[in-house]
Amino acid sequence: VNVNAGYQHHYYDFDNGAFDDGKYKGNDTQKFSGLNAQYSY
């Protein structure tokens, strides 16, 4: 049996679109946890 957890964070600048400068910021976060178990016979 295994218990796992993870955290991923991405903070970034981006523009308005094609050929178009901009002042935007993105802040993406992903969190996860899980359990895996295996019984062999």
All heavy atoms as atom14 arrays in JSON, in Angstrom:
{
  "sequence": "VNVNAGYQHHYYDFDNGAFDDGKYKGNDTQKFSGLNAQYSY",
  "atom14_mask": [
    [1, 1, 1, 1, 1, 1, 1, 0, 0, 0, 0, 0, 0, 0],
    [1, 1, 1, 1, 1, 1, 1, 1, 0, 0, 0, 0, 0, 0],
    [1, 1, 1, 1, 1, 1, 1, 0, 0, 0, 0, 0, 0, 0],
    [1, 1, 1, 1, 1, 1, 1, 1, 0, 0, 0, 0, 0, 0],
    [1, 1, 1, 1, 1, 0, 0, 0, 0, 0, 0, 0, 0, 0],
    [1, 1, 1, 1, 0, 0, 0, 0, 0, 0, 0, 0, 0, 0],
    [1, 1, 1, 1, 1, 1, 1, 1, 1, 1, 1, 1, 0, 0],
    [1, 1, 1, 1, 1, 1, 1, 1, 1, 0, 0, 0, 0, 0],
    [1, 1, 1, 1, 1, 1, 1, 1, 1, 1, 0, 0, 0, 0],
    [1, 1, 1, 1, 1, 1, 1, 1, 1, 1, 0, 0, 0, 0],
    [1, 1, 1, 1, 1, 1, 1, 1, 1, 1, 1, 1, 0, 0],
    [1, 1, 1, 1, 1, 1, 1, 1, 1, 1, 1, 1, 0, 0],
    [1, 1, 1, 1, 1, 1, 1, 1, 0, 0, 0, 0, 0, 0],
    [1, 1, 1, 1, 1, 1, 1, 1, 1, 1, 1, 0, 0, 0],
    [1, 1, 1, 1, 1, 1, 1, 1, 0, 0, 0, 0, 0, 0],
    [1, 1, 1, 1, 1, 1, 1, 1, 0, 0, 0, 0, 0, 0],
    [1, 1, 1, 1, 0, 0, 0, 0, 0, 0, 0, 0, 0, 0],
    [1, 1, 1, 1, 1, 0, 0, 0, 0, 0, 0, 0, 0, 0],
    [1, 1, 1, 1, 1, 1, 1, 1, 1, 1, 1, 0, 0, 0],
    [1, 1, 1, 1, 1, 1, 1, 1, 0, 0, 0, 0, 0, 0],
    [1, 1, 1, 1, 1, 1, 1, 1, 0, 0, 0, 0, 0, 0],
    [1, 1, 1, 1, 0, 0, 0, 0, 0, 0, 0, 0, 0, 0],
    [1, 1, 1, 1, 1, 1, 1, 1, 1, 0, 0, 0, 0, 0],
    [1, 1, 1, 1, 1, 1, 1, 1, 1, 1, 1, 1, 0, 0],
    [1, 1, 1, 1, 1, 1, 1, 1, 1, 0, 0, 0, 0, 0],
    [1, 1, 1, 1, 0, 0, 0, 0, 0, 0, 0, 0, 0, 0],
    [1, 1, 1, 1, 1, 1, 1, 1, 0, 0, 0, 0, 0, 0],
    [1, 1, 1, 1, 1, 1, 1, 1, 0, 0, 0, 0, 0, 0],
    [1, 1, 1, 1, 1, 1, 1, 0, 0, 0, 0, 0, 0, 0],
    [1, 1, 1, 1, 1, 1, 1, 1, 1, 0, 0, 0, 0, 0],
    [1, 1, 1, 1, 1, 1, 1, 1, 1, 0, 0, 0, 0, 0],
    [1, 1, 1, 1, 1, 1, 1, 1, 1, 1, 1, 0, 0, 0],
    [1, 1, 1, 1, 1, 1, 0, 0, 0, 0, 0, 0, 0, 0],
    [1, 1, 1, 1, 0, 0, 0, 0, 0, 0, 0, 0, 0, 0],
    [1, 1, 1, 1, 1, 1, 1, 1, 0, 0, 0, 0, 0, 0],
    [1, 1, 1, 1, 1, 1, 1, 1, 0, 0, 0, 0, 0, 0],
    [1, 1, 1, 1, 1, 0, 0, 0, 0, 0, 0, 0, 0, 0],
    [1, 1, 1, 1, 1, 1, 1, 1, 1, 0, 0, 0, 0, 0],
    [1, 1, 1, 1, 1, 1, 1, 1, 1, 1, 1, 1, 0, 0],
    [1, 1, 1, 1, 1, 1, 0, 0, 0, 0, 0, 0, 0, 0],
    [1, 1, 1, 1, 1, 1, 1, 1, 1, 1, 1, 1, 0, 0]
  ],
  "atom14_positions": [
    [[0.85, -1.18, 0.0], [0.0, 0.0, 0.0], [0.89, 1.23, 0.0], [1.94, 1.26, 0.65], [-0.95, 0.0, 1.23], [-0.17, -0.02, 2.53], [-1.9, 1.19, 1.16], [0.0, 0.0, 0.0], [0.0, 0.0, 0.0], [0.0, 0.0, 0.0], [0.0, 0.0, 0.0], [0.0, 0.0, 0.0], [0.0, 0.0, 0.0], [0.0, 0.0, 0.0]],
    [[0.5, 2.23, -0.77], [1.27, 3.47, -0.89], [0.34, 4.67, -0.77], [-0.75, 4.69, -1.37], [1.99, 3.54, -2.24], [3.01, 2.42, -2.41], [4.12, 2.5, -1.91], [2.62, 1.37, -3.12], [0.0, 0.0, 0.0], [0.0, 0.0, 0.0], [0.0, 0.0, 0.0], [0.0, 0.0, 0.0], [0.0, 0.0, 0.0], [0.0, 0.0, 0.0]],
    [[0.77, 5.64, -0.01], [0.05, 6.92, 0.1], [0.94, 7.99, -0.51], [2.14, 8.07, -0.2], [-0.26, 7.26, 1.57], [-0.95, 8.61, 1.66], [-1.12, 6.17, 2.2], [0.0, 0.0, 0.0], [0.0, 0.0, 0.0], [0.0, 0.0, 0.0], [0.0, 0.0, 0.0], [0.0, 0.0, 0.0], [0.0, 0.0, 0.0], [0.0, 0.0, 0.0]],
    [[0.38, 8.8, -1.39], [1.18, 9.82, -2.06], [0.49, 11.17, -2.04], [-0.73, 11.27, -1.86], [1.47, 9.4, -3.51], [0.2, 9.25, -4.32], [-0.4, 10.22, -4.76], [-0.24, 8.0, -4.52], [0.0, 0.0, 0.0], [0.0, 0.0, 0.0], [0.0, 0.0, 0.0], [0.0, 0.0, 0.0], [0.0, 0.0, 0.0], [0.0, 0.0, 0.0]],
    [[1.29, 12.22, -2.22], [0.76, 13.58, -2.26], [1.69, 14.42, -3.13], [2.89, 14.14, -3.25], [0.66, 14.19, -0.86], [0.0, 0.0, 0.0], [0.0, 0.0, 0.0], [0.0, 0.0, 0.0], [0.0, 0.0, 0.0], [0.0, 0.0, 0.0], [0.0, 0.0, 0.0], [0.0, 0.0, 0.0], [0.0, 0.0, 0.0], [0.0, 0.0, 0.0]],
    [[1.13, 15.46, -3.74], [1.94, 16.32, -4.59], [1.43, 17.75, -4.62], [0.24, 18.01, -4.36], [0.0, 0.0, 0.0], [0.0, 0.0, 0.0], [0.0, 0.0, 0.0], [0.0, 0.0, 0.0], [0.0, 0.0, 0.0], [0.0, 0.0, 0.0], [0.0, 0.0, 0.0], [0.0, 0.0, 0.0], [0.0, 0.0, 0.0], [0.0, 0.0, 0.0]],
    [[2.34, 18.65, -4.92], [2.02, 20.08, -5.03], [2.78, 20.63, -6.23], [3.98, 20.39, -6.38], [2.44, 20.82, -3.76], [2.38, 22.34, -3.87], [1.18, 23.02, -3.69], [3.53, 23.08, -4.17], [1.13, 24.41, -3.78], [3.48, 24.47, -4.26], [2.28, 25.12, -4.07], [2.23, 26.49, -4.17], [0.0, 0.0, 0.0], [0.0, 0.0, 0.0]],
    [[2.07, 21.34, -7.12], [2.68, 21.93, -8.3], [2.19, 23.36, -8.45], [0.99, 23.62, -8.39], [2.33, 21.11, -9.56], [2.8, 19.66, -9.48], [2.33, 18.8, -10.63], [1.26, 19.02, -11.18], [3.12, 17.81, -11.0], [0.0, 0.0, 0.0], [0.0, 0.0, 0.0], [0.0, 0.0, 0.0], [0.0, 0.0, 0.0], [0.0, 0.0, 0.0]],
    [[3.15, 24.28, -8.64], [2.81, 25.7, -8.7], [3.51, 26.35, -9.88], [4.68, 26.08, -10.15], [3.22, 26.41, -7.41], [3.01, 27.89, -7.45], [4.04, 28.8, -7.32], [1.88, 28.64, -7.62], [3.57, 30.03, -7.4], [2.26, 29.96, -7.58], [0.0, 0.0, 0.0], [0.0, 0.0, 0.0], [0.0, 0.0, 0.0], [0.0, 0.0, 0.0]],
    [[2.78, 27.19, -10.6], [3.33, 27.88, -11.78], [2.84, 29.33, -11.77], [1.63, 29.59, -11.84], [2.85, 27.17, -13.06], [3.49, 27.66, -14.31], [2.9, 27.53, -15.55], [4.69, 28.27, -14.52], [3.7, 28.04, -16.47], [4.77, 28.5, -15.87], [0.0, 0.0, 0.0], [0.0, 0.0, 0.0], [0.0, 0.0, 0.0], [0.0, 0.0, 0.0]],
    [[3.77, 30.27, -11.64], [3.45, 31.7, -11.62], [4.16, 32.34, -12.8], [5.39, 32.23, -12.92], [3.91, 32.32, -10.3], [3.49, 33.76, -10.1], [2.15, 34.11, -10.05], [4.45, 34.77, -9.95], [1.76, 35.42, -9.85], [4.07, 36.09, -9.76], [2.72, 36.41, -9.72], [2.33, 37.71, -9.55], [0.0, 0.0, 0.0], [0.0, 0.0, 0.0]],
    [[3.44, 33.02, -13.69], [4.04, 33.41, -14.97], [3.4, 34.69, -15.53], [2.28, 35.07, -15.18], [3.88, 32.27, -15.98], [2.45, 31.82, -16.18], [1.68, 32.32, -17.22], [1.86, 30.89, -15.32], [0.37, 31.91, -17.41], [0.56, 30.48, -15.49], [-0.18, 30.98, -16.54], [-1.49, 30.58, -16.72], [0.0, 0.0, 0.0], [0.0, 0.0, 0.0]],
    [[4.16, 35.32, -16.43], [3.68, 36.48, -17.18], [3.23, 36.02, -18.56], [3.8, 35.08, -19.13], [4.79, 37.52, -17.35], [5.36, 37.99, -16.01], [4.58, 38.11, -15.05], [6.58, 38.24, -15.95], [0.0, 0.0, 0.0], [0.0, 0.0, 0.0], [0.0, 0.0, 0.0], [0.0, 0.0, 0.0], [0.0, 0.0, 0.0], [0.0, 0.0, 0.0]],
    [[2.25, 36.7, -19.13], [1.86, 36.42, -20.51], [1.27, 37.66, -21.16], [0.92, 38.64, -20.48], [0.91, 35.22, -20.6], [-0.45, 35.43, -19.98], [-1.55, 35.75, -20.75], [-0.64, 35.26, -18.6], [-2.8, 35.92, -20.18], [-1.88, 35.43, -18.02], [-2.96, 35.76, -18.82], [0.0, 0.0, 0.0], [0.0, 0.0, 0.0], [0.0, 0.0, 0.0]],
    [[1.2, 37.62, -22.49], [0.77, 38.79, -23.27], [-0.69, 38.69, -23.67], [-1.38, 37.71, -23.38], [1.66, 38.95, -24.5], [3.05, 39.45, -24.15], [3.17, 40.2, -23.15], [4.02, 39.09, -24.85], [0.0, 0.0, 0.0], [0.0, 0.0, 0.0], [0.0, 0.0, 0.0], [0.0, 0.0, 0.0], [0.0, 0.0, 0.0], [0.0, 0.0, 0.0]],
    [[-1.14, 39.73, -24.4], [-2.55, 39.86, -24.74], [-2.97, 38.95, -25.88], [-4.15, 38.65, -26.04], [-2.86, 41.32, -25.12], [-4.33, 41.63, -25.05], [-5.02, 41.22, -24.12], [-4.83, 42.33, -26.06], [0.0, 0.0, 0.0], [0.0, 0.0, 0.0], [0.0, 0.0, 0.0], [0.0, 0.0, 0.0], [0.0, 0.0, 0.0], [0.0, 0.0, 0.0]],
    [[-2.02, 38.51, -26.69], [-2.34, 37.65, -27.82], [-1.3, 37.79, -28.91], [-0.21, 38.33, -28.7], [0.0, 0.0, 0.0], [0.0, 0.0, 0.0], [0.0, 0.0, 0.0], [0.0, 0.0, 0.0], [0.0, 0.0, 0.0], [0.0, 0.0, 0.0], [0.0, 0.0, 0.0], [0.0, 0.0, 0.0], [0.0, 0.0, 0.0], [0.0, 0.0, 0.0]],
    [[-1.63, 37.31, -30.1], [-0.7, 37.35, -31.22], [-0.33, 38.79, -31.57], [-1.21, 39.65, -31.72], [-1.33, 36.66, -32.43], [0.0, 0.0, 0.0], [0.0, 0.0, 0.0], [0.0, 0.0, 0.0], [0.0, 0.0, 0.0], [0.0, 0.0, 0.0], [0.0, 0.0, 0.0], [0.0, 0.0, 0.0], [0.0, 0.0, 0.0], [0.0, 0.0, 0.0]],
    [[0.96, 39.05, -31.66], [1.52, 40.37, -32.01], [1.06, 41.46, -31.04], [1.09, 42.64, -31.39], [1.1, 40.77, -33.43], [1.49, 39.8, -34.49], [0.52, 39.01, -35.12], [2.8, 39.66, -34.89], [0.86, 38.11, -36.11], [3.16, 38.75, -35.88], [2.19, 37.97, -36.5], [0.0, 0.0, 0.0], [0.0, 0.0, 0.0], [0.0, 0.0, 0.0]],
    [[0.62, 41.11, -29.84], [0.01, 42.08, -28.94], [0.61, 41.94, -27.54], [0.31, 40.97, -26.82], [-1.51, 41.88, -28.9], [-2.25, 43.04, -28.24], [-1.59, 44.0, -27.8], [-3.49, 42.98, -28.18], [0.0, 0.0, 0.0], [0.0, 0.0, 0.0], [0.0, 0.0, 0.0], [0.0, 0.0, 0.0], [0.0, 0.0, 0.0], [0.0, 0.0, 0.0]],
    [[1.45, 42.89, -27.14], [2.06, 42.87, -25.82], [1.0, 43.07, -24.74], [-0.07, 43.64, -25.01], [3.12, 43.97, -25.73], [4.12, 43.74, -24.61], [4.12, 42.63, -24.06], [4.89, 44.65, -24.31], [0.0, 0.0, 0.0], [0.0, 0.0, 0.0], [0.0, 0.0, 0.0], [0.0, 0.0, 0.0], [0.0, 0.0, 0.0], [0.0, 0.0, 0.0]],
    [[1.27, 42.62, -23.53], [0.3, 42.78, -22.46], [0.95, 42.67, -21.1], [2.12, 42.31, -20.97], [0.0, 0.0, 0.0], [0.0, 0.0, 0.0], [0.0, 0.0, 0.0], [0.0, 0.0, 0.0], [0.0, 0.0, 0.0], [0.0, 0.0, 0.0], [0.0, 0.0, 0.0], [0.0, 0.0, 0.0], [0.0, 0.0, 0.0], [0.0, 0.0, 0.0]],
    [[0.18, 42.99, -20.08], [0.65, 42.94, -18.7], [-0.26, 42.01, -17.9], [-1.06, 42.46, -17.07], [0.65, 44.35, -18.09], [1.59, 45.33, -18.77], [3.04, 45.04, -18.42], [3.98, 46.12, -18.95], [5.39, 45.85, -18.61], [0.0, 0.0, 0.0], [0.0, 0.0, 0.0], [0.0, 0.0, 0.0], [0.0, 0.0, 0.0], [0.0, 0.0, 0.0]],
    [[-0.15, 40.75, -18.16], [-0.98, 39.76, -17.48], [-0.09, 38.81, -16.68], [1.06, 38.54, -17.04], [-1.81, 38.95, -18.48], [-2.86, 39.73, -19.2], [-2.58, 40.33, -20.43], [-4.13, 39.9, -18.66], [-3.54, 41.06, -21.11], [-5.1, 40.62, -19.33], [-4.8, 41.2, -20.55], [-5.76, 41.92, -21.22], [0.0, 0.0, 0.0], [0.0, 0.0, 0.0]],
    [[-0.65, 38.28, -15.61], [0.02, 37.27, -14.81], [-0.94, 36.12, -14.54], [-2.13, 36.33, -14.27], [0.5, 37.86, -13.47], [1.69, 38.81, -13.59], [2.18, 39.25, -12.23], [3.38, 40.17, -12.35], [4.58, 39.48, -12.89], [0.0, 0.0, 0.0], [0.0, 0.0, 0.0], [0.0, 0.0, 0.0], [0.0, 0.0, 0.0], [0.0, 0.0, 0.0]],
    [[-0.4, 34.9, -14.62], [-1.17, 33.71, -14.3], [-0.59, 33.06, -13.06], [0.63, 33.05, -12.86], [0.0, 0.0, 0.0], [0.0, 0.0, 0.0], [0.0, 0.0, 0.0], [0.0, 0.0, 0.0], [0.0, 0.0, 0.0], [0.0, 0.0, 0.0], [0.0, 0.0, 0.0], [0.0, 0.0, 0.0], [0.0, 0.0, 0.0], [0.0, 0.0, 0.0]],
    [[-1.46, 32.5, -12.24], [-1.03, 31.83, -11.01], [-1.79, 30.51, -10.91], [-2.95, 30.48, -10.51], [-1.31, 32.72, -9.8], [-0.66, 32.2, -8.53], [0.07, 31.22, -8.55], [-0.93, 32.85, -7.41], [0.0, 0.0, 0.0], [0.0, 0.0, 0.0], [0.0, 0.0, 0.0], [0.0, 0.0, 0.0], [0.0, 0.0, 0.0], [0.0, 0.0, 0.0]],
    [[-1.12, 29.41, -11.32], [-1.77, 28.1, -11.37], [-1.22, 27.21, -10.26], [-0.01, 27.12, -10.07], [-1.51, 27.43, -12.71], [-2.08, 28.22, -13.88], [-2.83, 29.17, -13.64], [-1.78, 27.86, -15.04], [0.0, 0.0, 0.0], [0.0, 0.0, 0.0], [0.0, 0.0, 0.0], [0.0, 0.0, 0.0], [0.0, 0.0, 0.0], [0.0, 0.0, 0.0]],
    [[-2.13, 26.53, -9.57], [-1.74, 25.62, -8.5], [-2.48, 24.3, -8.65], [-3.68, 24.29, -8.94], [-2.07, 26.22, -7.12], [-1.41, 27.48, -6.98], [-1.6, 25.3, -6.01], [0.0, 0.0, 0.0], [0.0, 0.0, 0.0], [0.0, 0.0, 0.0], [0.0, 0.0, 0.0], [0.0, 0.0, 0.0], [0.0, 0.0, 0.0], [0.0, 0.0, 0.0]],
    [[-1.77, 23.22, -8.47], [-2.38, 21.9, -8.48], [-1.91, 21.12, -7.26], [-0.72, 21.03, -6.99], [-2.01, 21.13, -9.75], [-2.63, 19.74, -9.81], [-2.47, 19.11, -11.18], [-3.4, 19.05, -11.97], [-1.28, 18.63, -11.48], [0.0, 0.0, 0.0], [0.0, 0.0, 0.0], [0.0, 0.0, 0.0], [0.0, 0.0, 0.0], [0.0, 0.0, 0.0]],
    [[-2.86, 20.56, -6.51], [-2.56, 19.73, -5.34], [-3.26, 18.39, -5.52], [-4.38, 18.34, -6.05], [-3.06, 20.39, -4.06], [-2.5, 21.79, -3.8], [-3.16, 22.42, -2.57], [-2.69, 23.85, -2.35], [-3.38, 24.49, -1.2], [0.0, 0.0, 0.0], [0.0, 0.0, 0.0], [0.0, 0.0, 0.0], [0.0, 0.0, 0.0], [0.0, 0.0, 0.0]],
    [[-2.61, 17.33, -5.11], [-3.26, 16.03, -5.21], [-2.73, 15.09, -4.14], [-1.62, 15.25, -3.62], [-3.05, 15.42, -6.61], [-1.62, 15.18, -6.97], [-0.98, 13.99, -6.68], [-0.89, 16.16, -7.64], [0.34, 13.77, -7.02], [0.43, 15.95, -8.01], [1.05, 14.75, -7.69], [0.0, 0.0, 0.0], [0.0, 0.0, 0.0], [0.0, 0.0, 0.0]],
    [[-3.55, 14.11, -3.83], [-3.14, 13.04, -2.91], [-3.88, 11.77, -3.31], [-4.94, 11.83, -3.96], [-3.46, 13.41, -1.45], [-4.86, 13.59, -1.28], [0.0, 0.0, 0.0], [0.0, 0.0, 0.0], [0.0, 0.0, 0.0], [0.0, 0.0, 0.0], [0.0, 0.0, 0.0], [0.0, 0.0, 0.0], [0.0, 0.0, 0.0], [0.0, 0.0, 0.0]],
    [[-3.32, 10.64, -2.94], [-3.97, 9.4, -3.34], [-3.47, 8.21, -2.56], [-2.52, 8.29, -1.78], [0.0, 0.0, 0.0], [0.0, 0.0, 0.0], [0.0, 0.0, 0.0], [0.0, 0.0, 0.0], [0.0, 0.0, 0.0], [0.0, 0.0, 0.0], [0.0, 0.0, 0.0], [0.0, 0.0, 0.0], [0.0, 0.0, 0.0], [0.0, 0.0, 0.0]],
    [[-4.14, 7.11, -2.79], [-3.78, 5.84, -2.15], [-3.85, 4.75, -3.19], [-4.8, 4.66, -3.97], [-4.72, 5.54, -0.99], [-4.4, 4.27, -0.18], [-4.74, 4.49, 1.3], [-5.2, 3.06, -0.71], [0.0, 0.0, 0.0], [0.0, 0.0, 0.0], [0.0, 0.0, 0.0], [0.0, 0.0, 0.0], [0.0, 0.0, 0.0], [0.0, 0.0, 0.0]],
    [[-2.81, 3.9, -3.2], [-2.76, 2.75, -4.09], [-2.48, 1.51, -3.25], [-1.58, 1.53, -2.4], [-1.67, 2.95, -5.14], [-1.25, 1.64, -5.79], [-0.26, 1.03, -5.37], [-1.98, 1.18, -6.78], [0.0, 0.0, 0.0], [0.0, 0.0, 0.0], [0.0, 0.0, 0.0], [0.0, 0.0, 0.0], [0.0, 0.0, 0.0], [0.0, 0.0, 0.0]],
    [[-3.22, 0.45, -3.48], [-3.01, -0.79, -2.74], [-3.17, -1.97, -3.68], [-3.98, -1.94, -4.61], [-4.0, -0.91, -1.58], [0.0, 0.0, 0.0], [0.0, 0.0, 0.0], [0.0, 0.0, 0.0], [0.0, 0.0, 0.0], [0.0, 0.0, 0.0], [0.0, 0.0, 0.0], [0.0, 0.0, 0.0], [0.0, 0.0, 0.0], [0.0, 0.0, 0.0]],
    [[-2.38, -3.01, -3.44], [-2.48, -4.21, -4.28], [-2.26, -5.46, -3.42], [-1.32, -5.52, -2.63], [-1.45, -4.16, -5.41], [-1.6, -5.31, -6.41], [-0.66, -5.16, -7.58], [0.53, -5.47, -7.47], [-1.18, -4.7, -8.72], [0.0, 0.0, 0.0], [0.0, 0.0, 0.0], [0.0, 0.0, 0.0], [0.0, 0.0, 0.0], [0.0, 0.0, 0.0]],
    [[-3.14, -6.42, -3.63], [-3.02, -7.72, -2.97], [-2.79, -8.77, -4.05], [-3.57, -8.9, -5.01], [-4.28, -8.06, -2.17], [-4.28, -9.48, -1.64], [-3.46, -9.84, -0.58], [-5.08, -10.46, -2.24], [-3.44, -11.15, -0.11], [-5.07, -11.77, -1.77], [-4.24, -12.1, -0.71], [-4.22, -13.4, -0.25], [0.0, 0.0, 0.0], [0.0, 0.0, 0.0]],
    [[-1.72, -9.55, -3.89], [-1.38, -10.58, -4.88], [-1.73, -11.96, -4.34], [-1.48, -12.26, -3.17], [0.12, -10.52, -5.21], [0.47, -9.26, -5.75], [0.0, 0.0, 0.0], [0.0, 0.0, 0.0], [0.0, 0.0, 0.0], [0.0, 0.0, 0.0], [0.0, 0.0, 0.0], [0.0, 0.0, 0.0], [0.0, 0.0, 0.0], [0.0, 0.0, 0.0]],
    [[-2.32, -12.76, -5.2], [-2.6, -14.14, -4.85], [-1.99, -15.04, -5.93], [-1.29, -14.55, -6.83], [-4.09, -14.38, -4.68], [-4.95, -13.97, -5.84], [-5.3, -14.87, -6.84], [-5.45, -12.66, -5.94], [-6.1, -14.5, -7.9], [-6.24, -12.28, -7.0], [-6.57, -13.19, -7.99], [-7.35, -12.82, -9.05], [0.0, 0.0, 0.0], [0.0, 0.0, 0.0]]
  ]
}
